[in-house]
Protein backbone atom coordinates (compact mmCIF):
# COMPACT_ATOMS: atom_id res chain seq x y z
CA GLN A 1 145.83 101.97 58.88
CA VAL A 2 143.95 99.78 56.44
CA HIS A 3 141.70 96.97 57.71
CA LEU A 4 141.25 93.91 55.50
CA VAL A 5 138.47 91.31 55.42
CA GLU A 6 138.59 88.16 53.30
CA SER A 7 135.54 86.29 52.04
CA GLY A 8 134.62 83.63 49.52
CA GLY A 9 136.20 80.57 51.05
CA GLY A 10 134.39 77.27 51.36
CA VAL A 11 134.39 73.63 50.36
CA VAL A 12 134.85 72.70 46.71
CA GLN A 13 135.54 69.49 44.84
CA ALA A 14 138.85 68.91 43.13
CA GLY A 15 138.89 70.55 39.72
CA GLY A 16 136.49 73.25 40.84
CA SER A 17 136.91 77.00 41.23
CA LEU A 18 136.53 79.66 43.89
CA ARG A 19 136.87 83.40 43.91
CA LEU A 20 138.16 85.01 47.08
CA SER A 21 137.62 88.67 47.89
CA CYS A 22 139.67 91.00 50.05
CA THR A 23 137.90 94.23 50.97
CA ALA A 24 139.71 97.12 52.61
CA SER A 25 138.53 99.92 54.86
CA GLY A 26 140.05 102.61 57.02
CA GLY A 27 142.83 103.69 54.72
CA THR A 28 143.63 104.98 51.25
CA PHE A 29 143.34 101.81 49.19
CA ARG A 30 145.43 103.09 46.30
CA ASP A 31 148.41 103.53 48.64
CA TYR A 32 148.68 99.79 49.22
CA THR A 33 149.91 96.80 47.30
CA ILE A 34 147.60 93.90 48.19
CA GLY A 35 148.82 90.32 48.23
CA TRP A 36 147.35 86.87 48.76
CA PHE A 37 148.95 84.19 50.87
CA ARG A 38 148.00 80.81 52.28
CA GLN A 39 148.92 78.60 55.18
CA ARG A 40 148.45 74.88 54.71
CA PRO A 41 148.07 72.61 57.74
CA GLY A 42 151.39 72.20 59.50
CA GLN A 43 153.21 74.51 57.10
CA GLU A 44 154.45 78.07 57.05
CA ARG A 45 152.54 80.88 55.40
CA GLU A 46 153.46 81.25 51.75
CA PHE A 47 153.17 83.94 49.11
CA LEU A 48 150.78 83.33 46.19
CA ALA A 49 150.16 86.54 44.26
CA THR A 50 150.15 90.29 44.60
CA HIS A 51 148.82 93.31 42.71
CA HIS A 52 151.00 96.39 42.79
CA LYS A 53 149.47 99.62 44.02
CA SER A 54 150.54 101.82 41.12
CA ASN A 55 151.91 99.92 38.10
CA ASN A 56 148.71 97.83 37.79
CA ARG A 57 150.70 94.63 37.37
CA ALA A 58 150.23 91.26 38.99
CA TYR A 59 153.02 89.06 40.29
CA TYR A 60 152.73 85.35 41.04
CA ASP A 61 154.64 82.59 42.72
CA ASP A 62 155.71 80.14 40.02
CA SER A 63 153.81 77.31 41.70
CA VAL A 64 150.41 78.91 41.04
CA LYS A 65 150.90 80.57 37.67
CA GLY A 66 148.17 79.57 35.27
CA ARG A 67 145.70 78.51 37.98
CA LEU A 68 145.35 81.65 40.08
CA THR A 69 144.51 85.14 38.87
CA ILE A 70 144.65 88.25 41.02
CA SER A 71 142.69 91.36 40.09
CA ARG A 72 141.96 94.69 41.69
CA ASP A 73 138.95 97.03 41.72
CA ASN A 74 139.98 100.34 43.28
CA ALA A 75 136.41 101.66 43.08
CA LYS A 76 135.31 98.86 45.42
CA ASN A 77 138.47 98.79 47.56
CA THR A 78 138.67 95.10 46.75
CA VAL A 79 141.23 92.64 45.43
CA TYR A 80 140.12 89.26 44.12
CA LEU A 81 141.83 85.91 43.79
CA GLN A 82 140.29 83.64 41.18
CA MET A 83 141.36 80.04 41.78
CA ASN A 84 140.78 77.40 39.11
CA SER A 85 141.55 73.69 38.78
CA LEU A 86 141.72 73.37 42.54
CA ARG A 87 143.52 70.40 44.08
CA PRO A 88 143.29 68.84 47.54
CA GLU A 89 146.73 70.27 48.31
CA ASP A 90 145.28 73.76 47.89
CA THR A 91 143.40 73.21 51.16
CA ALA A 92 144.53 76.03 53.45
CA VAL A 93 143.61 79.24 55.20
CA TYR A 94 143.93 82.04 52.68
CA TYR A 95 144.95 85.52 53.78
CA CYS A 96 145.22 88.88 52.11
CA ALA A 97 147.61 91.54 53.31
CA ALA A 98 148.61 95.12 52.54
CA SER A 99 152.02 96.54 51.89
CA ARG A 100 153.54 99.95 51.17
CA SER A 101 156.95 98.48 50.40
CA ILE A 102 159.05 98.95 47.30
CA LEU A 103 158.49 96.80 44.24
CA SER A 104 161.47 94.52 44.84
CA GLU A 105 160.01 93.39 48.19
CA ILE A 106 156.36 92.73 47.38
CA MET A 107 156.70 88.98 46.84
CA LYS A 108 158.03 88.56 50.37
CA LEU A 109 155.95 88.08 53.51
CA ARG A 110 158.07 90.56 55.45
CA ALA A 111 156.83 93.40 53.23
CA TYR A 112 153.27 93.04 54.55
CA ASN A 113 152.17 94.39 57.90
CA ASN A 114 148.37 94.57 57.66
CA TRP A 115 146.67 91.17 57.52
CA GLY A 116 143.12 89.95 57.28
CA GLN A 117 141.71 87.23 59.51
CA GLY A 118 141.83 84.57 56.80
CA THR A 119 139.25 82.43 55.02
CA GLN A 120 139.27 78.64 54.91
CA VAL A 121 139.40 76.83 51.58
CA THR A 122 138.88 73.08 51.59
CA VAL A 123 139.26 71.04 48.41
CA SER A 124 137.82 67.55 48.57
CA SER A 125 139.09 64.70 46.42
């Protein structure tokens, strides 16, 4: 079973950028689709982006297209989330998660059953 650890969170001013990392261990990385999610204060966890395990394509929620970019480095067992033009409403705990589900499910939270501990991102105005 894969174990995931997020890093790269912090405090940034509005308009700034951050790059989050999700590093996996304990499993065969190429067997997993890796997604990024966030949970804003008082809200449910939401899907942001995912990188499919075998077709090398990225999929995004419409709300973040153009500002967030997901990428994958199989040699480093790591998936990145580059976040640009950050806004105060992007303040949240950001999580990565692993899935072995079929393509039609990978933009849904229920497809993911291995989660990291999360990393806090705070965007100040």
